Amino acid sequence: MRSAIKSDFQSFERPRQKNVILRAIQKFWEFSNFYGEYNSLAPSQRRKFVLDKNNSVSDR
């Protein structure tokens, strides 16, 4: 009986865990791309880059 409950619970949790992991990887990828672009700019252009990115995200 205990193993049936455990297996049902695990089968319910695995898709959710997979979604959480995939979302975390996606967020990390987005941050890495942003930071790479940010870091490649001259310091005088970085503020404008951040403001432009924030505006493009809020326009979605």
Protein backbone atom coordinates (compact mmCIF):
# COMPACT_ATOMS: atom_id res chain seq x y z
CA MET A 1 0.00 0.00 0.00
CA ARG A 2 2.76 2.39 0.92
CA SER A 3 4.59 1.85 -2.39
CA ALA A 4 1.41 2.58 -4.39
CA ILE A 5 0.97 5.93 -2.66
CA LYS A 6 4.64 6.76 -3.06
CA SER A 7 4.69 5.94 -6.78
CA ASP A 8 1.51 7.97 -7.42
CA PHE A 9 3.00 10.94 -5.61
CA GLN A 10 6.28 10.69 -7.51
CA SER A 11 4.54 10.46 -10.88
CA PHE A 12 2.60 13.63 -9.99
CA GLU A 13 5.72 15.52 -8.89
CA ARG A 14 8.11 14.66 -11.73
CA PRO A 15 6.48 16.80 -14.47
CA ARG A 16 6.31 19.76 -12.08
CA GLN A 17 9.97 19.34 -11.11
CA LYS A 18 10.92 19.10 -14.76
CA ASN A 19 9.06 22.35 -15.50
CA VAL A 20 10.76 24.10 -12.61
CA ILE A 21 14.18 22.94 -13.78
CA LEU A 22 13.49 23.95 -17.39
CA ARG A 23 12.26 27.38 -16.28
CA ALA A 24 15.38 27.87 -14.13
CA ILE A 25 17.61 26.94 -17.06
CA GLN A 26 15.72 29.35 -19.31
CA LYS A 27 16.09 32.20 -16.80
CA PHE A 28 19.80 31.46 -16.38
CA TRP A 29 20.25 31.44 -20.18
CA GLU A 30 18.45 34.79 -20.51
CA PHE A 31 20.56 36.31 -17.73
CA SER A 32 23.78 34.95 -19.23
CA ASN A 33 22.96 36.46 -22.63
CA PHE A 34 22.02 39.78 -21.06
CA TYR A 35 25.15 39.91 -18.90
CA GLY A 36 27.39 38.95 -21.81
CA GLU A 37 25.99 41.75 -23.96
CA TYR A 38 26.14 44.19 -21.02
CA ASN A 39 29.73 43.30 -20.22
CA SER A 40 30.84 43.70 -23.83
CA LEU A 41 29.73 47.33 -23.93
CA ALA A 42 31.78 50.32 -22.92
CA PRO A 43 30.89 51.53 -19.41
CA SER A 44 29.42 54.73 -20.86
CA GLN A 45 26.87 52.70 -22.90
CA ARG A 46 25.78 50.21 -20.23
CA ARG A 47 23.11 52.37 -18.58
CA LYS A 48 21.41 52.99 -21.94
CA PHE A 49 21.55 49.25 -22.72
CA VAL A 50 19.82 48.37 -19.42
CA LEU A 51 17.16 51.03 -19.91
CA ASP A 52 16.51 49.85 -23.47
CA LYS A 53 16.19 46.23 -22.31
CA ASN A 54 13.76 47.24 -19.54
CA ASN A 55 11.65 49.19 -22.03
CA SER A 56 11.54 46.30 -24.48
CA VAL A 57 10.45 43.89 -21.72
CA SER A 58 7.71 46.22 -20.46
CA ASP A 59 6.39 46.69 -24.03
CA ARG A 60 5.62 42.95 -24.38
